[in-house]
Amino acid sequence: MEWYEEFYAAIDGMDPDVIAAWLTASTTVRFGNQELIRGREAVVASISDFWSQLDAMKHEFVNVIESGQLAFVESVVTYIRPDRVKVKLPSATAIVRDGRLVSAQRIYAD
């Protein structure tokens, strides 16, 4: 299994402790044109808040391009809302790693 498959399995598992173990202490995340979120605790809090609006989610990979510690992941994300409605959205994420840990993400979804 590739590192990004493990990472996205952790995201889809929606467990804050598991995802925190994948992030550097100084990690950053930017969702689209939102403000940059800095630091592991802030990122986990933001993601947890988002997850609280869902029952489940699942990423299906379309394309993954890697060069050193940089990866671009194109996927289709299926979100399952509390009312059990499924919503599929195309998504692209640029990920910068420090070894196996994620140090930065820029996430774009339609």
C-alpha atoms as a PDB file:
ATOM      1  CA  MET A   1       0.000   0.000   0.000  1.00  0.00           C
ATOM      2  CA  GLU A   2       1.302   3.451  -0.910  1.00  0.00           C
ATOM      3  CA  TRP A   3       1.680   6.137   1.795  1.00  0.00           C
ATOM      4  CA  TYR A   4      -1.117   8.241   0.288  1.00  0.00           C
ATOM      5  CA  GLU A   5      -3.510   5.270   0.404  1.00  0.00           C
ATOM      6  CA  GLU A   6      -2.735   4.854   4.105  1.00  0.00           C
ATOM      7  CA  PHE A   7      -3.087   8.608   4.695  1.00  0.00           C
ATOM      8  CA  TYR A   8      -6.454   8.816   2.954  1.00  0.00           C
ATOM      9  CA  ALA A   9      -7.663   5.692   4.780  1.00  0.00           C
ATOM     10  CA  ALA A  10      -6.889   7.615   7.974  1.00  0.00           C
ATOM     11  CA  ILE A  11      -8.839  10.628   6.684  1.00  0.00           C
ATOM     12  CA  ASP A  12     -11.778   8.464   5.650  1.00  0.00           C
ATOM     13  CA  GLY A  13     -11.701   6.814   9.089  1.00  0.00           C
ATOM     14  CA  MET A  14     -12.551  10.227  10.579  1.00  0.00           C
ATOM     15  CA  ASP A  15     -10.598   9.613  13.809  1.00  0.00           C
ATOM     16  CA  PRO A  16      -8.858  12.783  15.084  1.00  0.00           C
ATOM     17  CA  ASP A  17      -6.146  10.863  16.964  1.00  0.00           C
ATOM     18  CA  VAL A  18      -5.272   8.764  13.926  1.00  0.00           C
ATOM     19  CA  ILE A  19      -5.062  11.758  11.586  1.00  0.00           C
ATOM     20  CA  ALA A  20      -3.006  13.733  14.136  1.00  0.00           C
ATOM     21  CA  ALA A  21      -0.351  11.001  13.994  1.00  0.00           C
ATOM     22  CA  TRP A  22       0.072  11.702  10.264  1.00  0.00           C
ATOM     23  CA  LEU A  23       0.785  15.441  10.698  1.00  0.00           C
ATOM     24  CA  THR A  24       3.926  17.363  11.592  1.00  0.00           C
ATOM     25  CA  ALA A  25       3.601  19.700  14.591  1.00  0.00           C
ATOM     26  CA  SER A  26       3.784  22.721  12.265  1.00  0.00           C
ATOM     27  CA  THR A  27       1.533  21.321   9.525  1.00  0.00           C
ATOM     28  CA  THR A  28      -0.687  23.672   7.527  1.00  0.00           C
ATOM     29  CA  VAL A  29      -3.918  23.227   5.579  1.00  0.00           C
ATOM     30  CA  ARG A  30      -5.735  25.553   3.243  1.00  0.00           C
ATOM     31  CA  PHE A  31      -9.213  24.623   1.971  1.00  0.00           C
ATOM     32  CA  GLY A  32      -9.812  26.486  -1.288  1.00  0.00           C
ATOM     33  CA  ASN A  33      -9.753  30.226  -0.612  1.00  0.00           C
ATOM     34  CA  GLN A  34     -10.182  29.876   3.184  1.00  0.00           C
ATOM     35  CA  GLU A  35      -7.633  31.136   5.685  1.00  0.00           C
ATOM     36  CA  LEU A  36      -4.520  29.032   6.201  1.00  0.00           C
ATOM     37  CA  ILE A  37      -4.804  26.754   9.239  1.00  0.00           C
ATOM     38  CA  ARG A  38      -1.504  26.388  11.113  1.00  0.00           C
ATOM     39  CA  GLY A  39      -0.366  23.711  13.538  1.00  0.00           C
ATOM     40  CA  ARG A  40      -1.396  20.120  14.218  1.00  0.00           C
ATOM     41  CA  GLU A  41      -3.952  20.964  16.920  1.00  0.00           C
ATOM     42  CA  ALA A  42      -5.674  23.650  14.826  1.00  0.00           C
ATOM     43  CA  VAL A  43      -5.753  21.410  11.748  1.00  0.00           C
ATOM     44  CA  VAL A  44      -7.190  18.470  13.691  1.00  0.00           C
ATOM     45  CA  ALA A  45      -9.807  20.752  15.289  1.00  0.00           C
ATOM     46  CA  SER A  46     -10.834  22.124  11.888  1.00  0.00           C
ATOM     47  CA  ILE A  47     -11.042  18.690  10.284  1.00  0.00           C
ATOM     48  CA  SER A  48     -12.962  17.326  13.286  1.00  0.00           C
ATOM     49  CA  ASP A  49     -15.464  20.170  12.971  1.00  0.00           C
ATOM     50  CA  PHE A  50     -15.959  19.281   9.300  1.00  0.00           C
ATOM     51  CA  TRP A  51     -16.314  15.578  10.118  1.00  0.00           C
ATOM     52  CA  SER A  52     -19.002  16.384  12.697  1.00  0.00           C
ATOM     53  CA  GLN A  53     -21.263  17.303   9.773  1.00  0.00           C
ATOM     54  CA  LEU A  54     -20.861  13.858   8.139  1.00  0.00           C
ATOM     55  CA  ASP A  55     -21.686  10.241   8.822  1.00  0.00           C
ATOM     56  CA  ALA A  56     -18.901   8.970   6.533  1.00  0.00           C
ATOM     57  CA  MET A  57     -16.622   9.839   3.646  1.00  0.00           C
ATOM     58  CA  LYS A  58     -14.597   7.917   1.068  1.00  0.00           C
ATOM     59  CA  HIS A  59     -11.914   9.034  -1.408  1.00  0.00           C
ATOM     60  CA  GLU A  60     -11.565   7.302  -4.782  1.00  0.00           C
ATOM     61  CA  PHE A  61      -8.263   8.073  -6.505  1.00  0.00           C
ATOM     62  CA  VAL A  62      -8.307   9.367 -10.072  1.00  0.00           C
ATOM     63  CA  ASN A  63      -4.651  10.440 -10.454  1.00  0.00           C
ATOM     64  CA  VAL A  64      -1.675  10.657  -8.144  1.00  0.00           C
ATOM     65  CA  ILE A  65       1.547  12.371  -9.198  1.00  0.00           C
ATOM     66  CA  GLU A  66       4.555  12.346  -6.914  1.00  0.00           C
ATOM     67  CA  SER A  67       7.907  14.068  -7.087  1.00  0.00           C
ATOM     68  CA  GLY A  68      10.081  13.649  -4.025  1.00  0.00           C
ATOM     69  CA  GLN A  69       8.142  14.889  -1.009  1.00  0.00           C
ATOM     70  CA  LEU A  70       5.431  16.564  -3.120  1.00  0.00           C
ATOM     71  CA  ALA A  71       2.258  14.778  -4.247  1.00  0.00           C
ATOM     72  CA  PHE A  72      -0.800  15.857  -6.190  1.00  0.00           C
ATOM     73  CA  VAL A  73      -3.849  13.721  -5.493  1.00  0.00           C
ATOM     74  CA  GLU A  74      -6.930  13.957  -7.681  1.00  0.00           C
ATOM     75  CA  SER A  75      -9.933  12.114  -6.286  1.00  0.00           C
ATOM     76  CA  VAL A  76     -13.675  11.861  -6.164  1.00  0.00           C
ATOM     77  CA  VAL A  77     -14.922  12.155  -2.591  1.00  0.00           C
ATOM     78  CA  THR A  78     -18.199  10.615  -1.536  1.00  0.00           C
ATOM     79  CA  TYR A  79     -19.652  12.297   1.528  1.00  0.00           C
ATOM     80  CA  ILE A  80     -22.496  10.628   3.396  1.00  0.00           C
ATOM     81  CA  ARG A  81     -24.562  13.163   5.280  1.00  0.00           C
ATOM     82  CA  PRO A  82     -26.470  12.428   8.505  1.00  0.00           C
ATOM     83  CA  ASP A  83     -29.683  12.159   6.422  1.00  0.00           C
ATOM     84  CA  ARG A  84     -27.882   9.351   4.471  1.00  0.00           C
ATOM     85  CA  VAL A  85     -27.764  11.402   1.258  1.00  0.00           C
ATOM     86  CA  LYS A  86     -24.558  10.747  -0.690  1.00  0.00           C
ATOM     87  CA  VAL A  87     -22.767  13.676  -2.296  1.00  0.00           C
ATOM     88  CA  LYS A  88     -19.854  13.089  -4.708  1.00  0.00           C
ATOM     89  CA  LEU A  89     -17.383  15.889  -5.370  1.00  0.00           C
ATOM     90  CA  PRO A  90     -14.211  16.079  -7.448  1.00  0.00           C
ATOM     91  CA  SER A  91     -11.219  17.119  -5.389  1.00  0.00           C
ATOM     92  CA  ALA A  92      -7.533  17.863  -5.854  1.00  0.00           C
ATOM     93  CA  THR A  93      -4.967  18.163  -3.095  1.00  0.00           C
ATOM     94  CA  ALA A  94      -1.328  19.232  -3.147  1.00  0.00           C
ATOM     95  CA  ILE A  95       0.521  17.564  -0.278  1.00  0.00           C
ATOM     96  CA  VAL A  96       4.020  18.314   1.004  1.00  0.00           C
ATOM     97  CA  ARG A  97       5.578  15.690   3.271  1.00  0.00           C
ATOM     98  CA  ASP A  98       8.429  15.580   5.722  1.00  0.00           C
ATOM     99  CA  GLY A  99       9.329  11.902   5.540  1.00  0.00           C
ATOM    100  CA  ARG A 100       6.040  10.065   6.101  1.00  0.00           C
ATOM    101  CA  LEU A 101       4.382  13.003   7.863  1.00  0.00           C
ATOM    102  CA  VAL A 102       2.286  15.640   6.122  1.00  0.00           C
ATOM    103  CA  SER A 103       3.662  19.153   6.527  1.00  0.00           C
ATOM    104  CA  ALA A 104       1.281  21.042   4.206  1.00  0.00           C
ATOM    105  CA  GLN A 105      -1.923  20.489   2.266  1.00  0.00           C
ATOM    106  CA  ARG A 106      -3.802  22.659  -0.193  1.00  0.00           C
ATOM    107  CA  ILE A 107      -7.253  21.200  -0.863  1.00  0.00           C
ATOM    108  CA  TYR A 108      -9.548  22.178  -3.716  1.00  0.00           C
ATOM    109  CA  ALA A 109     -13.037  20.722  -4.169  1.00  0.00           C
ATOM    110  CA  ASP A 110     -15.758  21.612  -6.624  1.00  0.00           C
END
